[in-house]
Amino acid sequence: MKNIPVTLSLYFGRQFLLAVVVMLAALSALVSLFDFLELLREAAARPAASFGIVVEIEFMRQPWTLLQILPFAILLGGIFAFWRLSRSSELVVARAAGISAWQFLALPVLLATLLGAVGTGGLSPLSAVMYSRGETLYNAYLRPGGGPLSLNGGELWVRQADAGLVPGGVAVLHAAGVHLEHNVLRAEQVSVLRLDGQATLLQRMEASQATLSTGAWNLRGVSVLTPGAAPQLVGQMDFPTDLTVRRVEESFASPDSLSFWALPGFIALLKRSGFSPIQHELAFQALLALPLLCATMALVAAGFSMRPSRRGGAARMLASGVGCGFALFMVSEVANQFGTSGAIPVILAAWAPAMAGLFLALALLLHLEDG
């Protein structure tokens, strides 16, 4: 077995990388087109959502889209690159010269791994920032009415309707030290600003502790401050709300809006607050496994596309490669669902599909090269 010349290795790597970039651009354009049409359909019933807003939302989703389709771009681009090299007999000549498939695959697999690493460490932060901005615009223009609600850094902010003092009033509630224990939400240092429709302060309530029950906050240690009047110590009272524990859990930042570098800290915050961090842990492990998944896709592409065209059955092999890649995607989605539900460990759900695909690709390449 000869050492592969540097020029030949660079040539194979360049062909692979060019095919992946072209496929990444094509798939991104296709996915973005369908997503853009769906946004236009939703915007038709929202006069405030102009065409420019829709374009901006779609633009903000672009890095996230690239991150999602990267493994499939590597699979399809690799299949096309290796099939073209095999069809032109360049791979046949290289193997006849004593160059093993493992040698000329080394650089493409390394490039695929580096693309995955760039996606994890570089594209993920950009995707998180832009995706978060896009979701903010989407919620403001295309999905209004849900009520502003956020829970960041262990502090809860919620704005809701409040007709207790005046019709059309609004209440802004801020709670610090939010904790969830046995499906009971507790908070400390609660402030409630009660406003009229013109955002004029009507009343302010301060409570030392609060518990969220069905349809109301149970406030304790309450003092009521009204403009122009002396503070009143109420002690305990119920403040009506449509907030639920489920809505609080759903208000957490989506894993897609957090970068790879920010996820560990947010997971630690969830654990300290008593909330389940499974979705964020799964997203973190999936980003860790992305370089391995990309390398696996490159090997799968090689295994299903390096068959010499003179043997026939090339179309069947290529279709099998595409089918195998999408089957791997389905297995990954099923594993994610099991991981989210807690049926299997998070690490197993994130890494098992990539490892299974890797073993399949290695077995196929061993059969083609040495079998």
Protein backbone atom coordinates (compact mmCIF):
# COMPACT_ATOMS: atom_id res chain seq x y z
CA MET A 1 0.00 0.00 0.00
CA LYS A 2 1.52 3.26 -1.16
CA ASN A 3 1.36 6.62 0.55
CA ILE A 4 -1.17 8.84 -1.20
CA PRO A 5 0.45 11.86 -2.91
CA VAL A 6 -0.41 15.19 -1.31
CA THR A 7 -1.66 16.59 -4.62
CA LEU A 8 -4.05 13.68 -5.12
CA SER A 9 -5.27 13.88 -1.53
CA LEU A 10 -5.95 17.61 -1.91
CA TYR A 11 -7.74 16.95 -5.18
CA PHE A 12 -10.11 14.43 -3.59
CA GLY A 13 -10.66 16.76 -0.63
CA ARG A 14 -11.38 19.73 -2.91
CA GLN A 15 -13.91 17.76 -4.96
CA PHE A 16 -15.65 16.60 -1.80
CA LEU A 17 -15.73 20.06 -0.19
CA LEU A 18 -17.00 21.74 -3.36
CA ALA A 19 -19.83 19.22 -3.71
CA VAL A 20 -20.81 19.66 -0.05
CA VAL A 21 -20.86 23.47 -0.32
CA VAL A 22 -22.99 23.35 -3.47
CA MET A 23 -25.38 20.86 -1.87
CA LEU A 24 -25.54 22.94 1.32
CA ALA A 25 -26.50 26.02 -0.70
CA ALA A 26 -29.09 24.11 -2.73
CA LEU A 27 -30.73 22.44 0.26
CA SER A 28 -30.70 25.70 2.22
CA ALA A 29 -32.40 27.54 -0.63
CA LEU A 30 -35.02 24.80 -0.97
CA VAL A 31 -35.84 24.64 2.75
CA SER A 32 -35.87 28.43 3.05
CA LEU A 33 -38.23 28.74 0.09
CA PHE A 34 -40.85 26.47 1.66
CA ASP A 35 -40.43 28.14 5.05
CA PHE A 36 -40.75 31.59 3.45
CA LEU A 37 -43.95 30.56 1.67
CA GLU A 38 -45.37 29.32 4.97
CA LEU A 39 -44.49 32.63 6.63
CA LEU A 40 -46.21 34.53 3.80
CA ARG A 41 -49.32 32.40 4.31
CA GLU A 42 -49.36 33.23 8.03
CA ALA A 43 -48.68 36.90 7.34
CA ALA A 44 -51.70 37.15 5.03
CA ALA A 45 -53.96 37.29 8.09
CA ARG A 46 -51.71 39.72 9.98
CA PRO A 47 -51.77 43.24 8.46
CA ALA A 48 -48.91 44.39 10.72
CA ALA A 49 -46.60 41.72 9.30
CA SER A 50 -45.24 43.43 6.20
CA PHE A 51 -43.24 41.72 3.46
CA GLY A 52 -40.05 43.21 4.90
CA ILE A 53 -40.79 41.70 8.33
CA VAL A 54 -41.32 38.27 6.75
CA VAL A 55 -38.05 38.58 4.82
CA GLU A 56 -36.22 39.58 8.01
CA ILE A 57 -37.64 36.64 9.96
CA GLU A 58 -36.57 34.22 7.24
CA PHE A 59 -33.12 35.80 7.04
CA MET A 60 -32.68 35.43 10.81
CA ARG A 61 -33.44 31.72 10.50
CA GLN A 62 -30.75 31.06 7.90
CA PRO A 63 -27.86 30.03 10.23
CA TRP A 64 -30.21 27.70 12.12
CA THR A 65 -31.32 26.14 8.83
CA LEU A 66 -27.70 25.64 7.75
CA LEU A 67 -26.92 23.94 11.06
CA GLN A 68 -29.88 21.58 10.72
CA ILE A 69 -29.17 20.47 7.14
CA LEU A 70 -25.37 20.29 7.41
CA PRO A 71 -25.23 16.47 7.92
CA PHE A 72 -27.53 15.88 4.94
CA ALA A 73 -25.53 18.25 2.76
CA ILE A 74 -22.43 16.23 3.61
CA LEU A 75 -24.25 12.98 2.81
CA LEU A 76 -25.68 14.10 -0.54
CA GLY A 77 -22.60 16.12 -1.51
CA GLY A 78 -20.36 13.19 -0.63
CA ILE A 79 -22.48 10.76 -2.64
CA PHE A 80 -22.32 13.05 -5.66
CA ALA A 81 -18.56 13.67 -5.33
CA PHE A 82 -17.58 10.03 -4.85
CA TRP A 83 -20.00 8.82 -7.54
CA ARG A 84 -18.56 11.31 -10.04
CA LEU A 85 -14.99 10.30 -9.18
CA SER A 86 -15.92 6.64 -9.54
CA ARG A 87 -17.80 7.20 -12.79
CA SER A 88 -14.80 8.98 -14.30
CA SER A 89 -12.62 6.03 -13.15
CA GLU A 90 -10.41 8.33 -11.06
CA LEU A 91 -11.01 6.22 -7.97
CA VAL A 92 -10.41 3.06 -9.98
CA VAL A 93 -7.04 4.35 -11.18
CA ALA A 94 -6.08 5.43 -7.67
CA ARG A 95 -6.91 2.03 -6.23
CA ALA A 96 -5.13 0.27 -9.09
CA ALA A 97 -2.03 2.32 -8.20
CA GLY A 98 -2.06 0.75 -4.74
CA ILE A 99 -3.84 3.57 -2.87
CA SER A 100 -6.31 2.25 -0.34
CA ALA A 101 -9.81 3.65 0.02
CA TRP A 102 -8.95 4.48 3.62
CA GLN A 103 -6.19 6.76 2.39
CA PHE A 104 -8.13 8.87 -0.11
CA LEU A 105 -11.07 9.03 2.31
CA ALA A 106 -8.92 10.44 5.11
CA LEU A 107 -9.05 14.08 3.98
CA PRO A 108 -12.79 14.12 3.06
CA VAL A 109 -13.67 12.59 6.43
CA LEU A 110 -11.40 15.08 8.18
CA LEU A 111 -13.06 17.95 6.29
CA ALA A 112 -16.51 16.65 7.25
CA THR A 113 -15.44 16.47 10.90
CA LEU A 114 -14.08 20.03 10.72
CA LEU A 115 -17.33 21.24 9.17
CA GLY A 116 -19.20 19.68 12.07
CA ALA A 117 -16.82 21.29 14.58
CA VAL A 118 -17.26 24.69 12.91
CA GLY A 119 -21.02 24.20 13.08
CA THR A 120 -20.84 23.37 16.79
CA GLY A 121 -18.39 26.01 17.95
CA GLY A 122 -18.78 28.76 15.34
CA LEU A 123 -22.15 28.61 13.60
CA SER A 124 -24.08 27.71 16.76
CA PRO A 125 -23.51 31.09 18.52
CA LEU A 126 -24.48 33.01 15.38
CA SER A 127 -27.50 30.77 14.89
CA ALA A 128 -28.59 31.30 18.51
CA VAL A 129 -28.45 35.10 18.29
CA MET A 130 -30.21 35.36 14.93
CA TYR A 131 -32.77 32.64 15.68
CA SER A 132 -33.69 34.37 18.95
CA ARG A 133 -34.18 37.66 17.10
CA GLY A 134 -36.26 35.93 14.43
CA GLU A 135 -38.49 34.25 17.03
CA THR A 136 -39.00 37.60 18.76
CA LEU A 137 -40.24 39.10 15.49
CA TYR A 138 -42.36 36.03 14.79
CA ASN A 139 -44.04 36.20 18.20
CA ALA A 140 -44.61 39.94 17.89
CA TYR A 141 -46.08 40.01 14.37
CA LEU A 142 -47.32 36.53 13.50
CA ARG A 143 -48.27 34.99 16.83
CA PRO A 144 -49.60 37.78 19.05
CA GLY A 145 -51.93 37.25 21.99
CA GLY A 146 -49.86 34.74 23.94
CA GLY A 147 -48.86 37.37 26.50
CA PRO A 148 -45.27 38.48 27.09
CA LEU A 149 -43.65 35.99 29.43
CA SER A 150 -39.97 35.35 30.12
CA LEU A 151 -37.94 33.53 32.71
CA ASN A 152 -34.24 34.33 32.63
CA GLY A 153 -31.59 34.09 35.29
CA GLY A 154 -34.11 32.58 37.72
CA GLU A 155 -36.35 35.69 37.53
CA LEU A 156 -39.89 35.63 36.16
CA TRP A 157 -41.50 38.50 34.24
CA VAL A 158 -45.11 38.32 33.10
CA ARG A 159 -47.57 40.88 31.71
CA GLN A 160 -51.26 40.06 31.85
CA ALA A 161 -54.72 41.62 31.75
CA ASP A 162 -55.97 42.96 35.10
CA ALA A 163 -59.54 44.25 35.35
CA GLY A 164 -59.52 44.29 39.15
CA LEU A 165 -59.10 48.07 39.45
CA VAL A 166 -60.21 49.47 36.09
CA PRO A 167 -61.57 47.89 32.89
CA GLY A 168 -58.79 47.19 30.43
CA GLY A 169 -56.12 47.34 33.10
CA VAL A 170 -52.76 45.61 32.91
CA ALA A 171 -50.57 43.98 35.56
CA VAL A 172 -46.81 43.48 35.30
CA LEU A 173 -45.47 40.87 37.71
CA HIS A 174 -41.83 40.32 38.59
CA ALA A 175 -40.69 37.45 40.81
CA ALA A 176 -37.19 36.53 41.89
CA GLY A 177 -35.86 33.22 43.15
CA VAL A 178 -38.32 31.05 41.21
CA HIS A 179 -38.22 27.35 42.16
CA LEU A 180 -40.23 24.31 41.17
CA GLU A 181 -40.67 21.52 43.71
CA HIS A 182 -43.10 18.62 43.24
CA ASN A 183 -44.86 20.57 40.47
CA VAL A 184 -45.44 23.52 42.84
CA LEU A 185 -43.99 26.85 41.72
CA ARG A 186 -42.70 29.14 44.47
CA ALA A 187 -41.13 32.58 44.22
CA GLU A 188 -39.65 35.22 46.47
CA GLN A 189 -39.57 39.02 46.34
CA VAL A 190 -42.65 39.42 44.16
CA SER A 191 -43.61 42.85 42.78
CA VAL A 192 -46.90 43.55 40.98
CA LEU A 193 -47.43 46.82 39.11
CA ARG A 194 -51.11 47.42 38.33
CA LEU A 195 -51.61 49.89 35.45
CA ASP A 196 -54.52 51.32 33.52
CA GLY A 197 -54.86 51.18 29.74
CA GLN A 198 -52.57 54.22 29.33
CA ALA A 199 -49.81 52.61 31.45
CA THR A 200 -50.50 54.90 34.43
CA LEU A 201 -49.53 53.32 37.74
CA LEU A 202 -52.60 52.65 39.86
CA GLN A 203 -51.20 50.37 42.54
CA ARG A 204 -48.07 48.47 43.49
CA MET A 205 -47.98 45.32 45.58
CA GLU A 206 -44.91 43.84 47.22
CA ALA A 207 -44.87 40.28 48.63
CA SER A 208 -42.10 38.39 50.35
CA GLN A 209 -43.26 34.99 49.06
CA ALA A 210 -45.70 33.64 46.49
CA THR A 211 -47.03 30.26 45.38
CA LEU A 212 -48.66 29.69 42.01
CA SER A 213 -51.95 27.81 42.34
CA THR A 214 -54.76 27.22 39.89
CA GLY A 215 -55.88 30.62 38.63
CA ALA A 216 -54.08 32.77 41.22
CA TRP A 217 -50.86 33.68 42.96
CA ASN A 218 -51.05 33.07 46.71
CA LEU A 219 -49.13 36.08 48.02
CA ARG A 220 -47.77 36.26 51.58
CA GLY A 221 -46.23 39.18 53.42
CA VAL A 222 -48.08 41.63 51.14
CA SER A 223 -47.90 45.41 51.33
CA VAL A 224 -50.03 47.53 49.00
CA LEU A 225 -48.78 50.95 47.85
CA THR A 226 -51.25 53.33 46.21
CA PRO A 227 -50.17 56.76 44.90
CA GLY A 228 -51.20 59.46 47.36
CA ALA A 229 -52.00 57.00 50.17
CA ALA A 230 -50.12 55.35 53.02
CA PRO A 231 -48.85 51.78 52.51
CA GLN A 232 -51.22 49.06 53.70
CA LEU A 233 -50.05 45.75 55.16
CA VAL A 234 -52.39 43.05 53.91
CA GLY A 235 -50.44 40.01 55.02
CA GLN A 236 -51.91 37.45 52.61
CA MET A 237 -54.03 37.63 49.46
CA ASP A 238 -54.73 35.90 46.15
CA PHE A 239 -53.94 37.70 42.92
CA PRO A 240 -55.77 36.26 39.86
CA THR A 241 -53.62 35.07 36.94
CA ASP A 242 -53.91 32.86 33.88
CA LEU A 243 -50.32 31.69 34.36
CA THR A 244 -49.67 27.98 34.87
CA VAL A 245 -46.61 25.93 35.73
CA ARG A 246 -46.65 24.52 32.20
CA ARG A 247 -46.54 28.02 30.70
CA VAL A 248 -43.59 28.88 32.91
CA GLU A 249 -41.74 25.79 31.73
CA GLU A 250 -42.52 26.64 28.11
CA SER A 251 -41.22 30.18 28.63
CA PHE A 252 -37.66 28.99 29.01
CA ALA A 253 -35.34 29.95 26.21
CA SER A 254 -35.56 27.39 23.45
CA PRO A 255 -32.44 25.25 23.01
CA ASP A 256 -32.28 26.59 19.47
CA SER A 257 -31.89 30.14 20.81
CA LEU A 258 -28.91 29.22 23.01
CA SER A 259 -25.40 28.70 21.68
CA PHE A 260 -23.24 25.66 22.39
CA TRP A 261 -21.20 27.76 24.83
CA ALA A 262 -24.25 29.11 26.71
CA LEU A 263 -26.06 25.80 27.16
CA PRO A 264 -24.00 24.42 30.11
CA GLY A 265 -24.68 27.51 32.22
CA PHE A 266 -28.39 27.48 31.37
CA ILE A 267 -28.61 23.76 32.19
CA ALA A 268 -27.04 24.45 35.59
CA LEU A 269 -29.61 27.22 36.18
CA LEU A 270 -32.48 24.87 35.37
CA LYS A 271 -31.15 22.28 37.79
CA ARG A 272 -30.76 24.85 40.56
CA SER A 273 -34.32 26.08 39.97
CA GLY A 274 -35.77 22.57 40.02
CA PHE A 275 -36.88 22.51 36.37
CA SER A 276 -36.17 19.68 33.98
CA PRO A 277 -33.10 20.34 31.79
CA ILE A 278 -33.59 17.32 29.52
CA GLN A 279 -34.34 19.26 26.31
CA HIS A 280 -31.34 21.55 26.77
CA GLU A 281 -29.04 18.66 27.74
CA LEU A 282 -30.17 16.80 24.63
CA ALA A 283 -29.45 19.84 22.45
CA PHE A 284 -26.00 20.22 24.03
CA GLN A 285 -25.10 16.57 23.49
CA ALA A 286 -26.42 16.72 19.91
CA LEU A 287 -24.09 19.64 19.19
CA LEU A 288 -21.21 17.72 20.77
CA ALA A 289 -22.00 14.74 18.53
CA LEU A 290 -22.33 16.85 15.36
CA PRO A 291 -18.67 16.41 14.21
CA LEU A 292 -19.00 12.63 14.59
CA LEU A 293 -22.32 12.66 12.74
CA CYS A 294 -20.80 14.65 9.88
CA ALA A 295 -17.87 12.24 9.63
CA THR A 296 -20.35 9.35 9.67
CA MET A 297 -22.31 10.89 6.80
CA ALA A 298 -19.10 11.21 4.76
CA LEU A 299 -18.31 7.52 5.32
CA VAL A 300 -21.87 6.48 4.50
CA ALA A 301 -21.66 8.51 1.28
CA ALA A 302 -18.40 6.79 0.36
CA GLY A 303 -19.70 3.32 1.16
CA PHE A 304 -22.71 3.68 -1.11
CA SER A 305 -21.12 5.53 -4.03
CA MET A 306 -17.66 4.04 -4.64
CA ARG A 307 -18.93 0.97 -6.45
CA PRO A 308 -17.33 0.85 -9.95
CA SER A 309 -19.89 1.77 -12.58
CA ARG A 310 -18.91 -1.20 -14.76
CA ARG A 311 -20.40 -3.56 -12.17
CA GLY A 312 -23.82 -2.07 -12.65
CA GLY A 313 -26.41 -1.31 -10.00
CA ALA A 314 -24.99 2.15 -9.39
CA ALA A 315 -28.43 3.77 -9.27
CA ARG A 316 -29.59 1.24 -6.72
CA MET A 317 -26.53 1.85 -4.58
CA LEU A 318 -26.98 5.63 -4.71
CA ALA A 319 -30.65 5.33 -3.80
CA SER A 320 -29.69 3.02 -0.95
CA GLY A 321 -27.23 5.62 0.31
CA VAL A 322 -29.83 8.37 0.33
CA GLY A 323 -32.34 6.04 1.97
CA CYS A 324 -29.79 5.03 4.61
CA GLY A 325 -29.09 8.68 5.41
CA PHE A 326 -32.74 9.52 5.88
CA ALA A 327 -33.27 6.33 7.88
CA LEU A 328 -30.48 7.53 10.14
CA PHE A 329 -32.33 10.84 10.46
CA MET A 330 -35.54 9.05 11.45
CA VAL A 331 -33.68 6.96 14.03
CA SER A 332 -32.17 10.17 15.41
CA GLU A 333 -35.61 11.78 15.70
CA VAL A 334 -37.06 8.73 17.46
CA ALA A 335 -34.09 8.66 19.83
CA ASN A 336 -34.62 12.38 20.54
CA GLN A 337 -38.25 11.72 21.45
CA PHE A 338 -37.25 8.90 23.78
CA GLY A 339 -34.55 11.11 25.29
CA THR A 340 -36.95 14.03 25.78
CA SER A 341 -39.45 11.79 27.54
CA GLY A 342 -36.72 10.40 29.80
CA ALA A 343 -37.20 6.84 28.54
CA ILE A 344 -33.50 6.55 27.67
CA PRO A 345 -30.44 8.50 28.89
CA VAL A 346 -29.76 11.79 27.13
CA ILE A 347 -26.23 10.80 26.11
CA LEU A 348 -27.50 7.58 24.52
CA ALA A 349 -30.24 9.45 22.65
CA ALA A 350 -27.75 11.98 21.23
CA TRP A 351 -24.82 9.70 20.40
CA ALA A 352 -26.39 6.33 19.52
CA PRO A 353 -27.63 7.28 15.99
CA ALA A 354 -24.22 8.67 14.98
CA MET A 355 -22.40 5.64 16.42
CA ALA A 356 -24.81 3.21 14.72
CA GLY A 357 -24.31 4.96 11.37
CA LEU A 358 -20.55 4.95 11.86
CA PHE A 359 -20.44 1.19 12.45
CA LEU A 360 -22.69 0.61 9.43
CA ALA A 361 -20.46 2.73 7.18
CA LEU A 362 -17.27 1.08 8.44
CA ALA A 363 -18.74 -2.39 7.87
CA LEU A 364 -19.77 -1.49 4.32
CA LEU A 365 -16.37 0.02 3.50
CA LEU A 366 -14.57 -3.01 4.93
CA HIS A 367 -16.71 -5.22 2.72
CA LEU A 368 -16.05 -3.14 -0.39
CA GLU A 369 -12.33 -2.62 0.24
CA ASP A 370 -11.22 -5.85 1.86
CA GLY A 371 -14.18 -8.20 1.46
